[in-house]
Amino acid sequence: MKLTYYGHACFGVEVGGCHLLFDPFITPNPKAAKIDAKKIPADYILISHGHFDHVADAADIAKRTGATVIANWEVADWLGKQGVEKTHPMNIGGGFNFPFGRVKMTNAVHSSSLPDGTYGGNAGGFLVETRQGNFYYSGDTALTPSMKLIGESASLKFAVLCVGDNFTMGPEDAARAADFIEARDVVGVHYDTFPPIEIDHHDAIREFTDRGAVLHLLEIGASKEF
């Protein structure tokens, strides 16, 4: 599996011949200025919740690529009204088998509303299980005891965890989350985009190292194989 980081909480994963794109927020992000959203591939777009910094480019990319959007009912319904033709609504605790593998929507503790103020349903994360390996994306969330269930039920190749603090887990709680889910390789997201979520990279990496895990803070546009 190959993961490419597009800035903030947006990343793509190539698996089973499919391009999965998560939480597309590229065009309005000045730190991702070198990324051309019109060139990003997507067969499926997975959206954790409705906030602008997770859905900004979702409709445009879905229309261009013909991708199926996987999201909670409220976000999927809202995107349908924006002209997105293919959506697959889910909700917390539910799973579905797609051509590339199984997706289960997991619990997240966070708020959710759409850019126009529409109710965005419950925020969530995703556990993705494939023949090439499994991975977990936390979405925006606090540290929760329910993460231990992920560690008990799935052997993870890697995890993608929010680490920016203020609005979500910070590095210390994210490192504890890595323990809960039994992930040794973690890609950090949702950090440095705005002043309240700027982090000290060395301190953040040390939090994970102290717990026997590796935190990867990728440059925007960089890729990593797992």
Protein backbone atom coordinates (compact mmCIF):
# COMPACT_ATOMS: atom_id res chain seq x y z
CA MET A 1 0.00 0.00 0.00
CA LYS A 2 1.15 3.50 -0.85
CA LEU A 3 0.05 6.55 1.15
CA THR A 4 0.41 10.08 -0.24
CA TYR A 5 -0.05 13.10 2.03
CA TYR A 6 -1.85 16.12 0.58
CA GLY A 7 -1.76 18.35 3.66
CA HIS A 8 -3.87 18.90 6.77
CA ALA A 9 -5.98 15.73 7.15
CA CYS A 10 -6.08 14.85 3.47
CA PHE A 11 -4.27 11.78 2.17
CA GLY A 12 -4.63 9.11 -0.48
CA VAL A 13 -4.03 5.38 -0.26
CA GLU A 14 -3.49 3.10 -3.25
CA VAL A 15 -4.74 -0.39 -2.44
CA GLY A 16 -6.13 -3.27 -4.48
CA GLY A 17 -5.95 -1.26 -7.69
CA CYS A 18 -8.09 1.53 -6.19
CA HIS A 19 -7.28 5.07 -5.17
CA LEU A 20 -8.85 6.00 -1.83
CA LEU A 21 -8.87 9.71 -0.98
CA PHE A 22 -9.61 10.91 2.56
CA ASP A 23 -10.98 14.29 3.71
CA PRO A 24 -10.04 16.44 0.68
CA PHE A 25 -9.05 19.96 1.80
CA ILE A 26 -6.47 21.18 -0.72
CA THR A 27 -7.53 24.24 -2.75
CA PRO A 28 -8.19 26.52 0.29
CA ASN A 29 -5.07 25.32 2.14
CA PRO A 30 -2.13 27.68 1.43
CA LYS A 31 0.31 25.10 2.77
CA ALA A 32 -0.80 22.73 -0.02
CA ALA A 33 -0.30 25.31 -2.78
CA LYS A 34 1.98 22.95 -4.74
CA ILE A 35 -0.75 20.29 -4.90
CA ASP A 36 -3.10 20.45 -7.89
CA ALA A 37 -6.44 19.09 -6.73
CA LYS A 38 -7.45 18.59 -10.38
CA LYS A 39 -4.74 15.94 -10.77
CA ILE A 40 -5.47 13.88 -7.66
CA PRO A 41 -6.89 10.44 -8.53
CA ALA A 42 -9.85 9.00 -6.65
CA ASP A 43 -12.05 5.94 -7.04
CA TYR A 44 -13.49 6.39 -3.56
CA ILE A 45 -13.56 9.48 -1.33
CA LEU A 46 -13.93 8.82 2.39
CA ILE A 47 -15.07 11.72 4.55
CA SER A 48 -14.85 11.57 8.33
CA HIS A 49 -17.15 14.53 9.08
CA GLY A 50 -18.63 17.68 7.63
CA HIS A 51 -16.25 20.48 8.60
CA PHE A 52 -14.95 22.69 5.79
CA ASP A 53 -11.36 21.59 6.33
CA HIS A 54 -12.41 18.02 5.46
CA VAL A 55 -14.90 18.47 2.61
CA ALA A 56 -13.75 21.59 0.73
CA ASP A 57 -12.72 19.80 -2.48
CA ALA A 58 -14.90 16.72 -2.11
CA ALA A 59 -17.67 17.65 -4.56
CA ASP A 60 -15.32 18.92 -7.27
CA ILE A 61 -13.06 15.86 -7.11
CA ALA A 62 -16.01 13.46 -7.00
CA LYS A 63 -17.59 15.08 -10.06
CA ARG A 64 -14.30 15.08 -12.00
CA THR A 65 -13.32 11.49 -11.19
CA GLY A 66 -16.72 9.85 -10.83
CA ALA A 67 -15.61 8.60 -7.41
CA THR A 68 -18.03 7.14 -4.89
CA VAL A 69 -18.14 9.16 -1.68
CA ILE A 70 -18.26 7.14 1.55
CA ALA A 71 -19.48 9.22 4.49
CA ASN A 72 -22.13 9.36 7.17
CA TRP A 73 -25.74 9.77 6.02
CA GLU A 74 -25.88 13.54 6.53
CA VAL A 75 -22.63 14.32 4.70
CA ALA A 76 -23.50 11.94 1.85
CA ASP A 77 -26.95 13.50 1.51
CA TRP A 78 -25.49 17.03 1.51
CA LEU A 79 -22.95 16.15 -1.18
CA GLY A 80 -25.71 14.62 -3.27
CA LYS A 81 -27.40 18.01 -3.22
CA GLN A 82 -24.11 19.54 -4.44
CA GLY A 83 -24.33 17.37 -7.55
CA VAL A 84 -22.29 14.34 -6.47
CA GLU A 85 -23.91 11.38 -8.22
CA LYS A 86 -22.38 8.42 -6.39
CA THR A 87 -22.48 8.25 -2.60
CA HIS A 88 -22.48 5.41 -0.09
CA PRO A 89 -23.90 6.55 3.27
CA MET A 90 -22.78 4.79 6.44
CA ASN A 91 -22.94 5.36 10.17
CA ILE A 92 -20.92 4.58 13.28
CA GLY A 93 -20.37 0.86 13.83
CA GLY A 94 -21.56 -0.15 10.37
CA GLY A 95 -19.37 -1.85 7.79
CA PHE A 96 -19.62 -2.62 4.08
CA ASN A 97 -17.65 -4.71 1.59
CA PHE A 98 -16.32 -2.70 -1.35
CA PRO A 99 -14.24 -4.04 -4.28
CA PHE A 100 -11.00 -3.00 -2.55
CA GLY A 101 -11.95 -4.34 0.90
CA ARG A 102 -14.18 -3.76 3.90
CA VAL A 103 -14.77 -0.35 5.47
CA LYS A 104 -16.13 0.06 8.99
CA MET A 105 -17.05 3.48 10.30
CA THR A 106 -15.63 3.94 13.78
CA ASN A 107 -16.45 6.20 16.68
CA ALA A 108 -14.92 9.68 16.95
CA VAL A 109 -15.54 12.33 19.59
CA HIS A 110 -15.81 15.60 17.69
CA SER A 111 -18.40 18.04 16.33
CA SER A 112 -19.66 18.07 12.74
CA SER A 113 -21.45 20.61 10.59
CA LEU A 114 -21.33 21.34 6.86
CA PRO A 115 -19.90 24.58 5.41
CA ASP A 116 -23.37 26.12 5.01
CA GLY A 117 -24.31 25.35 8.60
CA THR A 118 -26.26 22.18 7.79
CA TYR A 119 -26.16 19.49 10.47
CA GLY A 120 -23.28 17.13 9.68
CA GLY A 121 -24.25 14.07 11.69
CA ASN A 122 -21.78 12.22 13.90
CA ALA A 123 -18.06 12.55 13.27
CA GLY A 124 -16.28 9.25 12.68
CA GLY A 125 -13.17 7.45 11.54
CA PHE A 126 -12.56 4.46 9.28
CA LEU A 127 -11.13 0.99 9.71
CA VAL A 128 -10.16 -0.30 6.27
CA GLU A 129 -9.47 -4.04 5.89
CA THR A 130 -7.94 -5.28 2.63
CA ARG A 131 -6.00 -8.25 1.27
CA GLN A 132 -2.91 -6.04 1.26
CA GLY A 133 -3.31 -5.21 4.95
CA ASN A 134 -5.45 -3.14 7.29
CA PHE A 135 -5.25 0.48 8.37
CA TYR A 136 -7.19 2.86 10.60
CA TYR A 137 -7.89 6.57 10.16
CA SER A 138 -9.05 8.22 13.37
CA GLY A 139 -10.66 11.29 11.81
CA ASP A 140 -10.81 14.28 14.15
CA THR A 141 -11.25 12.90 17.63
CA ALA A 142 -10.33 12.87 21.27
CA LEU A 143 -8.61 9.84 22.77
CA THR A 144 -11.31 7.27 23.54
CA PRO A 145 -11.30 3.89 25.31
CA SER A 146 -13.22 2.43 22.35
CA MET A 147 -10.01 2.58 20.32
CA LYS A 148 -8.90 -0.52 22.24
CA LEU A 149 -11.58 -2.47 20.34
CA ILE A 150 -9.76 -1.70 17.10
CA GLY A 151 -6.54 -3.13 18.50
CA GLU A 152 -8.40 -6.24 19.57
CA SER A 153 -10.21 -6.81 16.28
CA ALA A 154 -7.71 -5.90 13.53
CA SER A 155 -3.99 -6.24 12.95
CA LEU A 156 -2.95 -2.89 11.50
CA LYS A 157 -0.21 -2.21 8.97
CA PHE A 158 -0.38 1.46 9.92
CA ALA A 159 -2.67 4.11 11.35
CA VAL A 160 -3.38 7.73 10.49
CA LEU A 161 -3.99 9.78 13.62
CA CYS A 162 -4.71 13.45 14.28
CA VAL A 163 -1.90 14.96 16.36
CA GLY A 164 -2.43 18.74 16.27
CA ASP A 165 -4.05 19.25 19.70
CA ASN A 166 -6.50 22.08 20.47
CA PHE A 167 -9.34 20.69 18.28
CA THR A 168 -8.29 17.02 18.45
CA MET A 169 -5.82 14.72 20.18
CA GLY A 170 -2.38 16.15 20.67
CA PRO A 171 0.82 14.10 20.34
CA GLU A 172 0.65 12.68 23.88
CA ASP A 173 -2.91 11.39 23.53
CA ALA A 174 -2.27 10.24 19.95
CA ALA A 175 0.71 8.19 21.17
CA ARG A 176 -1.58 6.60 23.76
CA ALA A 177 -4.08 5.93 20.97
CA ALA A 178 -1.33 4.12 19.05
CA ASP A 179 -0.97 1.86 22.09
CA PHE A 180 -4.72 1.25 22.23
CA ILE A 181 -4.95 0.27 18.55
CA GLU A 182 -1.61 -1.60 18.63
CA ALA A 183 -0.14 0.38 15.71
CA ARG A 184 3.63 0.70 15.46
CA ASP A 185 3.63 2.90 12.34
CA VAL A 186 1.56 6.09 12.54
CA VAL A 187 1.15 8.89 10.01
CA GLY A 188 0.29 12.16 11.73
CA VAL A 189 -2.32 14.51 10.27
CA HIS A 190 -4.31 17.61 11.26
CA TYR A 191 -1.32 19.65 12.45
CA ASP A 192 0.56 22.87 11.52
CA THR A 193 -2.16 24.13 9.12
CA PHE A 194 -3.34 26.87 11.49
CA PRO A 195 -1.56 28.51 14.48
CA PRO A 196 -3.65 26.72 17.16
CA ILE A 197 -2.55 23.30 15.84
CA GLU A 198 1.15 23.97 15.26
CA ILE A 199 3.27 21.33 17.00
CA ASP A 200 6.90 20.74 17.89
CA HIS A 201 7.84 17.90 15.56
CA HIS A 202 10.70 16.59 17.68
CA ASP A 203 8.58 16.49 20.83
CA ALA A 204 5.73 14.81 18.98
CA ILE A 205 7.98 12.12 17.52
CA ARG A 206 9.50 11.51 20.95
CA GLU A 207 6.06 10.87 22.47
CA PHE A 208 5.65 7.97 20.05
CA THR A 209 9.21 6.72 20.34
CA ASP A 210 8.82 6.52 24.13
CA ARG A 211 5.92 4.13 23.56
CA GLY A 212 7.71 1.99 20.98
CA ALA A 213 5.96 3.47 17.95
CA VAL A 214 7.10 5.56 14.97
CA LEU A 215 5.37 8.83 14.06
CA HIS A 216 5.77 9.81 10.41
CA LEU A 217 5.25 13.52 9.75
CA LEU A 218 5.33 13.57 5.96
CA GLU A 219 6.05 16.57 3.79
CA ILE A 220 3.02 17.65 1.77
CA GLY A 221 3.13 15.75 -1.52
CA ALA A 222 5.35 13.00 -0.11
CA SER A 223 4.48 9.30 -0.28
CA LYS A 224 5.29 6.29 1.87
CA GLU A 225 4.95 2.57 1.21
CA PHE A 226 3.55 0.29 3.88
